Amino acid sequence: MLRLSLAWLHLLALGVGIAAVWSRAASLSGKPDVNALR
């Protein structure tokens, strides 16, 4: 069960991370405002 849990968390973090860094990029593309910054 430990192997499964670690693999699941590892892959879940990958998905969350790539979506987050893409979202950060999209938020800062163009002319930023306070909402984009948040």
ModelCIF file with pLDDT and N, C-alpha, C, O atoms, coordinates in Angstrom:
data_MODEL
#
_entry.id   MODEL 
#
_entity.id                         1 
_entity.type                       polymer 
_entity.pdbx_number_of_molecules   1 
#
_entity_poly.entity_id                      1 
_entity_poly.type                           'polypeptide(L)' 
_entity_poly.nstd_linkage                   no 
_entity_poly.nstd_monomer                   no 
_entity_poly.pdbx_seq_one_letter_code       MLRLSLAWLHLLALGVGIAAVWSRAASLSGKPDVNALR 
_entity_poly.pdbx_seq_one_letter_code_can   MLRLSLAWLHLLALGVGIAAVWSRAASLSGKPDVNALR 
_entity_poly.pdbx_strand_id                 A 
#
loop_
_entity_poly_seq.entity_id 
_entity_poly_seq.num 
_entity_poly_seq.mon_id 
_entity_poly_seq.hetero 
1 1  MET n 
1 2  LEU n 
1 3  ARG n 
1 4  LEU n 
1 5  SER n 
1 6  LEU n 
1 7  ALA n 
1 8  TRP n 
1 9  LEU n 
1 10 HIS n 
1 11 LEU n 
1 12 LEU n 
1 13 ALA n 
1 14 LEU n 
1 15 GLY n 
1 16 VAL n 
1 17 GLY n 
1 18 ILE n 
1 19 ALA n 
1 20 ALA n 
1 21 VAL n 
1 22 TRP n 
1 23 SER n 
1 24 ARG n 
1 25 ALA n 
1 26 ALA n 
1 27 SER n 
1 28 LEU n 
1 29 SER n 
1 30 GLY n 
1 31 LYS n 
1 32 PRO n 
1 33 ASP n 
1 34 VAL n 
1 35 ASN n 
1 36 ALA n 
1 37 LEU n 
1 38 ARG n 
#
_struct_asym.id          A 
_struct_asym.entity_id   1 
#
loop_
_ma_qa_metric.id 
_ma_qa_metric.mode 
_ma_qa_metric.name 
_ma_qa_metric.software_group_id 
_ma_qa_metric.type 
1 global pLDDT . pLDDT 
2 local  pLDDT . pLDDT 
#
_ma_qa_metric_global.metric_id      1 
_ma_qa_metric_global.metric_value   93.34 
_ma_qa_metric_global.model_id       1 
_ma_qa_metric_global.ordinal_id     1 
#
loop_
_ma_qa_metric_local.label_asym_id 
_ma_qa_metric_local.label_comp_id 
_ma_qa_metric_local.label_seq_id 
_ma_qa_metric_local.metric_id 
_ma_qa_metric_local.metric_value 
_ma_qa_metric_local.model_id 
_ma_qa_metric_local.ordinal_id 
A MET 1  2 92.00 1 1  
A LEU 2  2 90.00 1 2  
A ARG 3  2 90.00 1 3  
A LEU 4  2 93.00 1 4  
A SER 5  2 94.00 1 5  
A LEU 6  2 94.00 1 6  
A ALA 7  2 92.00 1 7  
A TRP 8  2 95.00 1 8  
A LEU 9  2 95.00 1 9  
A HIS 10 2 94.00 1 10 
A LEU 11 2 93.00 1 11 
A LEU 12 2 95.00 1 12 
A ALA 13 2 96.00 1 13 
A LEU 14 2 94.00 1 14 
A GLY 15 2 95.00 1 15 
A VAL 16 2 97.00 1 16 
A GLY 17 2 96.00 1 17 
A ILE 18 2 97.00 1 18 
A ALA 19 2 97.00 1 19 
A ALA 20 2 98.00 1 20 
A VAL 21 2 98.00 1 21 
A TRP 22 2 98.00 1 22 
A SER 23 2 98.00 1 23 
A ARG 24 2 97.00 1 24 
A ALA 25 2 97.00 1 25 
A ALA 26 2 97.00 1 26 
A SER 27 2 95.00 1 27 
A LEU 28 2 95.00 1 28 
A SER 29 2 93.00 1 29 
A GLY 30 2 85.00 1 30 
A LYS 31 2 84.00 1 31 
A PRO 32 2 84.00 1 32 
A ASP 33 2 87.00 1 33 
A VAL 34 2 88.00 1 34 
A ASN 35 2 90.00 1 35 
A ALA 36 2 90.00 1 36 
A LEU 37 2 92.00 1 37 
A ARG 38 2 92.00 1 38 
#
loop_
_atom_site.group_PDB 
_atom_site.id 
_atom_site.type_symbol 
_atom_site.label_atom_id 
_atom_site.label_alt_id 
_atom_site.label_comp_id 
_atom_site.label_asym_id 
_atom_site.label_entity_id 
_atom_site.label_seq_id 
_atom_site.pdbx_PDB_ins_code 
_atom_site.Cartn_x 
_atom_site.Cartn_y 
_atom_site.Cartn_z 
_atom_site.occupancy 
_atom_site.B_iso_or_equiv 
_atom_site.pdbx_formal_charge 
_atom_site.auth_seq_id 
_atom_site.auth_comp_id 
_atom_site.auth_asym_id 
_atom_site.auth_atom_id 
_atom_site.pdbx_PDB_model_num 
ATOM 1   N N  . MET A 1 1  ? 0.810  -1.200 0.000   1.00 92.00 ? 1  MET A N  1 
ATOM 2   C CA . MET A 1 1  ? 0.000  0.000  0.000   1.00 92.00 ? 1  MET A CA 1 
ATOM 3   C C  . MET A 1 1  ? 0.859  1.272  0.000   1.00 92.00 ? 1  MET A C  1 
ATOM 4   O O  . MET A 1 1  ? 0.474  2.289  -0.576  1.00 92.00 ? 1  MET A O  1 
ATOM 5   N N  . LEU A 1 2  ? 2.029  1.201  0.655   1.00 90.00 ? 2  LEU A N  1 
ATOM 6   C CA . LEU A 1 2  ? 2.933  2.344  0.678   1.00 90.00 ? 2  LEU A CA 1 
ATOM 7   C C  . LEU A 1 2  ? 3.405  2.683  -0.732  1.00 90.00 ? 2  LEU A C  1 
ATOM 8   O O  . LEU A 1 2  ? 3.420  3.852  -1.118  1.00 90.00 ? 2  LEU A O  1 
ATOM 9   N N  . ARG A 1 3  ? 3.791  1.668  -1.502  1.00 90.00 ? 3  ARG A N  1 
ATOM 10  C CA . ARG A 1 3  ? 4.251  1.899  -2.882  1.00 90.00 ? 3  ARG A CA 1 
ATOM 11  C C  . ARG A 1 3  ? 3.181  2.598  -3.693  1.00 90.00 ? 3  ARG A C  1 
ATOM 12  O O  . ARG A 1 3  ? 3.469  3.546  -4.424  1.00 90.00 ? 3  ARG A O  1 
ATOM 13  N N  . LEU A 1 4  ? 1.956  2.139  -3.569  1.00 93.00 ? 4  LEU A N  1 
ATOM 14  C CA . LEU A 1 4  ? 0.848  2.731  -4.311  1.00 93.00 ? 4  LEU A CA 1 
ATOM 15  C C  . LEU A 1 4  ? 0.609  4.179  -3.873  1.00 93.00 ? 4  LEU A C  1 
ATOM 16  O O  . LEU A 1 4  ? 0.413  5.062  -4.709  1.00 93.00 ? 4  LEU A O  1 
ATOM 17  N N  . SER A 1 5  ? 0.626  4.412  -2.578  1.00 94.00 ? 5  SER A N  1 
ATOM 18  C CA . SER A 1 5  ? 0.390  5.770  -2.058  1.00 94.00 ? 5  SER A CA 1 
ATOM 19  C C  . SER A 1 5  ? 1.465  6.742  -2.506  1.00 94.00 ? 5  SER A C  1 
ATOM 20  O O  . SER A 1 5  ? 1.162  7.864  -2.912  1.00 94.00 ? 5  SER A O  1 
ATOM 21  N N  . LEU A 1 6  ? 2.726  6.318  -2.435  1.00 94.00 ? 6  LEU A N  1 
ATOM 22  C CA . LEU A 1 6  ? 3.814  7.190  -2.854  1.00 94.00 ? 6  LEU A CA 1 
ATOM 23  C C  . LEU A 1 6  ? 3.755  7.476  -4.353  1.00 94.00 ? 6  LEU A C  1 
ATOM 24  O O  . LEU A 1 6  ? 3.959  8.614  -4.777  1.00 94.00 ? 6  LEU A O  1 
ATOM 25  N N  . ALA A 1 7  ? 3.479  6.458  -5.147  1.00 92.00 ? 7  ALA A N  1 
ATOM 26  C CA . ALA A 1 7  ? 3.376  6.655  -6.598  1.00 92.00 ? 7  ALA A CA 1 
ATOM 27  C C  . ALA A 1 7  ? 2.204  7.580  -6.924  1.00 92.00 ? 7  ALA A C  1 
ATOM 28  O O  . ALA A 1 7  ? 2.321  8.454  -7.784  1.00 92.00 ? 7  ALA A O  1 
ATOM 29  N N  . TRP A 1 8  ? 1.087  7.391  -6.246  1.00 95.00 ? 8  TRP A N  1 
ATOM 30  C CA . TRP A 1 8  ? -0.102 8.218  -6.474  1.00 95.00 ? 8  TRP A CA 1 
ATOM 31  C C  . TRP A 1 8  ? 0.196  9.679  -6.132  1.00 95.00 ? 8  TRP A C  1 
ATOM 32  O O  . TRP A 1 8  ? -0.110 10.576 -6.917  1.00 95.00 ? 8  TRP A O  1 
ATOM 33  N N  . LEU A 1 9  ? 0.789  9.916  -4.965  1.00 95.00 ? 9  LEU A N  1 
ATOM 34  C CA . LEU A 1 9  ? 1.119  11.288 -4.560  1.00 95.00 ? 9  LEU A CA 1 
ATOM 35  C C  . LEU A 1 9  ? 2.126  11.920 -5.518  1.00 95.00 ? 9  LEU A C  1 
ATOM 36  O O  . LEU A 1 9  ? 2.011  13.096 -5.864  1.00 95.00 ? 9  LEU A O  1 
ATOM 37  N N  . HIS A 1 10 ? 3.103  11.138 -5.939  1.00 94.00 ? 10 HIS A N  1 
ATOM 38  C CA . HIS A 1 10 ? 4.135  11.628 -6.856  1.00 94.00 ? 10 HIS A CA 1 
ATOM 39  C C  . HIS A 1 10 ? 3.504  12.077 -8.180  1.00 94.00 ? 10 HIS A C  1 
ATOM 40  O O  . HIS A 1 10 ? 3.811  13.156 -8.686  1.00 94.00 ? 10 HIS A O  1 
ATOM 41  N N  . LEU A 1 11 ? 2.637  11.253 -8.723  1.00 93.00 ? 11 LEU A N  1 
ATOM 42  C CA . LEU A 1 11 ? 1.987  11.591 -9.999  1.00 93.00 ? 11 LEU A CA 1 
ATOM 43  C C  . LEU A 1 11 ? 0.958  12.700 -9.840  1.00 93.00 ? 11 LEU A C  1 
ATOM 44  O O  . LEU A 1 11 ? 0.819  13.541 -10.728 1.00 93.00 ? 11 LEU A O  1 
ATOM 45  N N  . LEU A 1 12 ? 0.242  12.717 -8.735  1.00 95.00 ? 12 LEU A N  1 
ATOM 46  C CA . LEU A 1 12 ? -0.716 13.794 -8.482  1.00 95.00 ? 12 LEU A CA 1 
ATOM 47  C C  . LEU A 1 12 ? 0.008  15.134 -8.384  1.00 95.00 ? 12 LEU A C  1 
ATOM 48  O O  . LEU A 1 12 ? -0.455 16.136 -8.930  1.00 95.00 ? 12 LEU A O  1 
ATOM 49  N N  . ALA A 1 13 ? 1.137  15.150 -7.692  1.00 96.00 ? 13 ALA A N  1 
ATOM 50  C CA . ALA A 1 13 ? 1.925  16.383 -7.579  1.00 96.00 ? 13 ALA A CA 1 
ATOM 51  C C  . ALA A 1 13 ? 2.410  16.846 -8.953  1.00 96.00 ? 13 ALA A C  1 
ATOM 52  O O  . ALA A 1 13 ? 2.488  18.047 -9.212  1.00 96.00 ? 13 ALA A O  1 
ATOM 53  N N  . LEU A 1 14 ? 2.728  15.917 -9.813  1.00 94.00 ? 14 LEU A N  1 
ATOM 54  C CA . LEU A 1 14 ? 3.146  16.266 -11.168 1.00 94.00 ? 14 LEU A CA 1 
ATOM 55  C C  . LEU A 1 14 ? 2.030  17.007 -11.895 1.00 94.00 ? 14 LEU A C  1 
ATOM 56  O O  . LEU A 1 14 ? 2.263  18.060 -12.489 1.00 94.00 ? 14 LEU A O  1 
ATOM 57  N N  . GLY A 1 15 ? 0.826  16.463 -11.848 1.00 95.00 ? 15 GLY A N  1 
ATOM 58  C CA . GLY A 1 15 ? -0.311 17.107 -12.512 1.00 95.00 ? 15 GLY A CA 1 
ATOM 59  C C  . GLY A 1 15 ? -0.637 18.469 -11.932 1.00 95.00 ? 15 GLY A C  1 
ATOM 60  O O  . GLY A 1 15 ? -0.863 19.430 -12.669 1.00 95.00 ? 15 GLY A O  1 
ATOM 61  N N  . VAL A 1 16 ? -0.659 18.549 -10.619 1.00 97.00 ? 16 VAL A N  1 
ATOM 62  C CA . VAL A 1 16 ? -0.952 19.823 -9.949  1.00 97.00 ? 16 VAL A CA 1 
ATOM 63  C C  . VAL A 1 16 ? 0.141  20.838 -10.279 1.00 97.00 ? 16 VAL A C  1 
ATOM 64  O O  . VAL A 1 16 ? -0.150 22.000 -10.564 1.00 97.00 ? 16 VAL A O  1 
ATOM 65  N N  . GLY A 1 17 ? 1.387  20.400 -10.240 1.00 96.00 ? 17 GLY A N  1 
ATOM 66  C CA . GLY A 1 17 ? 2.508  21.300 -10.481 1.00 96.00 ? 17 GLY A CA 1 
ATOM 67  C C  . GLY A 1 17 ? 2.532  21.872 -11.880 1.00 96.00 ? 17 GLY A C  1 
ATOM 68  O O  . GLY A 1 17 ? 2.729  23.074 -12.055 1.00 96.00 ? 17 GLY A O  1 
ATOM 69  N N  . ILE A 1 18 ? 2.336  21.035 -12.874 1.00 97.00 ? 18 ILE A N  1 
ATOM 70  C CA . ILE A 1 18 ? 2.388  21.539 -14.249 1.00 97.00 ? 18 ILE A CA 1 
ATOM 71  C C  . ILE A 1 18 ? 1.201  22.456 -14.532 1.00 97.00 ? 18 ILE A C  1 
ATOM 72  O O  . ILE A 1 18 ? 1.341  23.445 -15.252 1.00 97.00 ? 18 ILE A O  1 
ATOM 73  N N  . ALA A 1 19 ? 0.042  22.138 -13.974 1.00 97.00 ? 19 ALA A N  1 
ATOM 74  C CA . ALA A 1 19 ? -1.118 23.027 -14.143 1.00 97.00 ? 19 ALA A CA 1 
ATOM 75  C C  . ALA A 1 19 ? -0.867 24.363 -13.441 1.00 97.00 ? 19 ALA A C  1 
ATOM 76  O O  . ALA A 1 19 ? -1.237 25.418 -13.957 1.00 97.00 ? 19 ALA A O  1 
ATOM 77  N N  . ALA A 1 20 ? -0.246 24.315 -12.278 1.00 98.00 ? 20 ALA A N  1 
ATOM 78  C CA . ALA A 1 20 ? 0.006  25.534 -11.509 1.00 98.00 ? 20 ALA A CA 1 
ATOM 79  C C  . ALA A 1 20 ? 1.031  26.434 -12.193 1.00 98.00 ? 20 ALA A C  1 
ATOM 80  O O  . ALA A 1 20 ? 0.834  27.647 -12.269 1.00 98.00 ? 20 ALA A O  1 
ATOM 81  N N  . VAL A 1 21 ? 2.108  25.861 -12.684 1.00 98.00 ? 21 VAL A N  1 
ATOM 82  C CA . VAL A 1 21 ? 3.136  26.697 -13.309 1.00 98.00 ? 21 VAL A CA 1 
ATOM 83  C C  . VAL A 1 21 ? 2.624  27.265 -14.638 1.00 98.00 ? 21 VAL A C  1 
ATOM 84  O O  . VAL A 1 21 ? 2.982  28.378 -15.021 1.00 98.00 ? 21 VAL A O  1 
ATOM 85  N N  . TRP A 1 22 ? 1.784  26.493 -15.336 1.00 98.00 ? 22 TRP A N  1 
ATOM 86  C CA . TRP A 1 22 ? 1.161  27.013 -16.566 1.00 98.00 ? 22 TRP A CA 1 
ATOM 87  C C  . TRP A 1 22 ? 0.210  28.164 -16.223 1.00 98.00 ? 22 TRP A C  1 
ATOM 88  O O  . TRP A 1 22 ? 0.180  29.179 -16.918 1.00 98.00 ? 22 TRP A O  1 
ATOM 89  N N  . SER A 1 23 ? -0.559 27.999 -15.157 1.00 98.00 ? 23 SER A N  1 
ATOM 90  C CA . SER A 1 23 ? -1.487 29.037 -14.713 1.00 98.00 ? 23 SER A CA 1 
ATOM 91  C C  . SER A 1 23 ? -0.732 30.295 -14.280 1.00 98.00 ? 23 SER A C  1 
ATOM 92  O O  . SER A 1 23 ? -1.165 31.413 -14.558 1.00 98.00 ? 23 SER A O  1 
ATOM 93  N N  . ARG A 1 24 ? 0.389  30.105 -13.605 1.00 97.00 ? 24 ARG A N  1 
ATOM 94  C CA . ARG A 1 24 ? 1.207  31.250 -13.208 1.00 97.00 ? 24 ARG A CA 1 
ATOM 95  C C  . ARG A 1 24 ? 1.670  32.013 -14.446 1.00 97.00 ? 24 ARG A C  1 
ATOM 96  O O  . ARG A 1 24 ? 1.624  33.242 -14.480 1.00 97.00 ? 24 ARG A O  1 
ATOM 97  N N  . ALA A 1 25 ? 2.112  31.281 -15.453 1.00 97.00 ? 25 ALA A N  1 
ATOM 98  C CA . ALA A 1 25 ? 2.566  31.911 -16.696 1.00 97.00 ? 25 ALA A CA 1 
ATOM 99  C C  . ALA A 1 25 ? 1.434  32.658 -17.378 1.00 97.00 ? 25 ALA A C  1 
ATOM 100 O O  . ALA A 1 25 ? 1.604  33.795 -17.819 1.00 97.00 ? 25 ALA A O  1 
ATOM 101 N N  . ALA A 1 26 ? 0.278  32.012 -17.461 1.00 97.00 ? 26 ALA A N  1 
ATOM 102 C CA . ALA A 1 26 ? -0.869 32.646 -18.120 1.00 97.00 ? 26 ALA A CA 1 
ATOM 103 C C  . ALA A 1 26 ? -1.310 33.905 -17.379 1.00 97.00 ? 26 ALA A C  1 
ATOM 104 O O  . ALA A 1 26 ? -1.699 34.892 -18.003 1.00 97.00 ? 26 ALA A O  1 
ATOM 105 N N  . SER A 1 27 ? -1.249 33.871 -16.061 1.00 95.00 ? 27 SER A N  1 
ATOM 106 C CA . SER A 1 27 ? -1.645 35.040 -15.258 1.00 95.00 ? 27 SER A CA 1 
ATOM 107 C C  . SER A 1 27 ? -0.724 36.225 -15.483 1.00 95.00 ? 27 SER A C  1 
ATOM 108 O O  . SER A 1 27 ? -1.160 37.374 -15.417 1.00 95.00 ? 27 SER A O  1 
ATOM 109 N N  . LEU A 1 28 ? 0.538  35.954 -15.746 1.00 95.00 ? 28 LEU A N  1 
ATOM 110 C CA . LEU A 1 28 ? 1.518  37.031 -15.885 1.00 95.00 ? 28 LEU A CA 1 
ATOM 111 C C  . LEU A 1 28 ? 1.794  37.409 -17.334 1.00 95.00 ? 28 LEU A C  1 
ATOM 112 O O  . LEU A 1 28 ? 2.580  38.319 -17.595 1.00 95.00 ? 28 LEU A O  1 
ATOM 113 N N  . SER A 1 29 ? 1.159  36.723 -18.278 1.00 93.00 ? 29 SER A N  1 
ATOM 114 C CA . SER A 1 29 ? 1.313  37.078 -19.687 1.00 93.00 ? 29 SER A CA 1 
ATOM 115 C C  . SER A 1 29 ? 0.478  38.320 -19.969 1.00 93.00 ? 29 SER A C  1 
ATOM 116 O O  . SER A 1 29 ? -0.612 38.480 -19.419 1.00 93.00 ? 29 SER A O  1 
ATOM 117 N N  . GLY A 1 30 ? 0.979  39.176 -20.807 1.00 85.00 ? 30 GLY A N  1 
ATOM 118 C CA . GLY A 1 30 ? 0.244  40.407 -21.092 1.00 85.00 ? 30 GLY A CA 1 
ATOM 119 C C  . GLY A 1 30 ? 0.516  41.453 -20.028 1.00 85.00 ? 30 GLY A C  1 
ATOM 120 O O  . GLY A 1 30 ? 1.498  41.369 -19.291 1.00 85.00 ? 30 GLY A O  1 
ATOM 121 N N  . LYS A 1 31 ? -0.366 42.436 -19.956 1.00 84.00 ? 31 LYS A N  1 
ATOM 122 C CA . LYS A 1 31 ? -0.205 43.531 -18.993 1.00 84.00 ? 31 LYS A CA 1 
ATOM 123 C C  . LYS A 1 31 ? -0.841 43.114 -17.664 1.00 84.00 ? 31 LYS A C  1 
ATOM 124 O O  . LYS A 1 31 ? -2.061 42.975 -17.579 1.00 84.00 ? 31 LYS A O  1 
ATOM 125 N N  . PRO A 1 32 ? -0.014 42.912 -16.621 1.00 84.00 ? 32 PRO A N  1 
ATOM 126 C CA . PRO A 1 32 ? -0.564 42.431 -15.351 1.00 84.00 ? 32 PRO A CA 1 
ATOM 127 C C  . PRO A 1 32 ? -1.328 43.510 -14.583 1.00 84.00 ? 32 PRO A C  1 
ATOM 128 O O  . PRO A 1 32 ? -0.963 44.685 -14.594 1.00 84.00 ? 32 PRO A O  1 
ATOM 129 N N  . ASP A 1 33 ? -2.398 43.074 -13.918 1.00 87.00 ? 33 ASP A N  1 
ATOM 130 C CA . ASP A 1 33 ? -3.103 43.937 -12.972 1.00 87.00 ? 33 ASP A CA 1 
ATOM 131 C C  . ASP A 1 33 ? -3.072 43.229 -11.621 1.00 87.00 ? 33 ASP A C  1 
ATOM 132 O O  . ASP A 1 33 ? -2.517 42.136 -11.508 1.00 87.00 ? 33 ASP A O  1 
ATOM 133 N N  . VAL A 1 34 ? -3.654 43.833 -10.608 1.00 88.00 ? 34 VAL A N  1 
ATOM 134 C CA . VAL A 1 34 ? -3.609 43.259 -9.263  1.00 88.00 ? 34 VAL A CA 1 
ATOM 135 C C  . VAL A 1 34 ? -4.293 41.895 -9.219  1.00 88.00 ? 34 VAL A C  1 
ATOM 136 O O  . VAL A 1 34 ? -3.808 40.988 -8.542  1.00 88.00 ? 34 VAL A O  1 
ATOM 137 N N  . ASN A 1 35 ? -5.414 41.734 -9.931  1.00 90.00 ? 35 ASN A N  1 
ATOM 138 C CA . ASN A 1 35 ? -6.095 40.435 -9.941  1.00 90.00 ? 35 ASN A CA 1 
ATOM 139 C C  . ASN A 1 35 ? -5.235 39.363 -10.596 1.00 90.00 ? 35 ASN A C  1 
ATOM 140 O O  . ASN A 1 35 ? -5.186 38.228 -10.120 1.00 90.00 ? 35 ASN A O  1 
ATOM 141 N N  . ALA A 1 36 ? -4.562 39.714 -11.677 1.00 90.00 ? 36 ALA A N  1 
ATOM 142 C CA . ALA A 1 36 ? -3.668 38.759 -12.346 1.00 90.00 ? 36 ALA A CA 1 
ATOM 143 C C  . ALA A 1 36 ? -2.517 38.378 -11.416 1.00 90.00 ? 36 ALA A C  1 
ATOM 144 O O  . ALA A 1 36 ? -2.096 37.222 -11.365 1.00 90.00 ? 36 ALA A O  1 
ATOM 145 N N  . LEU A 1 37 ? -2.027 39.361 -10.694 1.00 92.00 ? 37 LEU A N  1 
ATOM 146 C CA . LEU A 1 37 ? -0.952 39.116 -9.747  1.00 92.00 ? 37 LEU A CA 1 
ATOM 147 C C  . LEU A 1 37 ? -1.411 38.170 -8.639  1.00 92.00 ? 37 LEU A C  1 
ATOM 148 O O  . LEU A 1 37 ? -0.678 37.260 -8.251  1.00 92.00 ? 37 LEU A O  1 
ATOM 149 N N  . ARG A 1 38 ? -2.615 38.386 -8.138  1.00 92.00 ? 38 ARG A N  1 
ATOM 150 C CA . ARG A 1 38 ? -3.149 37.486 -7.089  1.00 92.00 ? 38 ARG A CA 1 
ATOM 151 C C  . ARG A 1 38 ? -3.327 36.062 -7.626  1.00 92.00 ? 38 ARG A C  1 
ATOM 152 O O  . ARG A 1 38 ? -3.762 35.175 -6.891  1.00 92.00 ? 38 ARG A O  1 
#
